[in-house]
Amino acid sequence: MAIEGSDENFRNLKSNLGKQYFDLCHLKVINQLISNKKGKTEFTTSLGANNSMMINSDNEQFKNLKLKYDLVNTDTLYNVLKNENFLEDIDFIKIDIEGAEPLVIDDLLKIKPKSMFIEFSNKNSLDNNLNAISKLVDSGYFCSNGNNRFSDYFEVEKFIENVWQNKGIGSVIRATDLWFFKNQTQNGR
């Protein structure tokens, strides 16, 4: 299953799927913005598909940029997966949901995927991102940035804080991807 919230990215995804040389008949694609609640939220339309984001109280600094946004429907990850009968024994899930990653951590803990690849960015607050990572680590997931397996939460925290301090050249968005793997000895998985 692939869930894409951005209309433009969804069109690109559908187009790219049609160009593949392997069978994708079992892949379900859904155009849905994921959040921590069913409802409506502001979603930018002026940053391009690669830099869209949900506007919330934790990233209001971006409102000062005079961004255009639409009011769009959201739903929870749990609801979307439940509606698609896709809640059992998930091996892998990739989360890149335009700054709402911390908002879906509780759903991820209900779903209990064996592994996750999650983008964390300053589209949400540093505290919210660190709290989300802490919840995953406290629930028995270990974390890696692809190069290193972090020995504990404090190593991850230091890594994330360094990412936030590295402003880069010409970018207001700072982000990193993290892998989370469920310890096989816990909860029988």
Foldseek 3Di string as FASTA:
>chain_A
DAEAADPVVLVVVVVVVVVDPDDPPVPDYHHAQAALAWDKFKWFDAPDPVQIATDDPQQCVCVVVVTDTDIDTHHHPLVVCVVVVNLPAAAEEEDDRHQRVLRHLVVCLVSVHQKYKYKHKSSGPLVSVLVSVQVLVVSAKWKDQVPDTDPGSVVVSVVSVVQCVCCDPPDPMTMGMMMIGHDCVPPVD
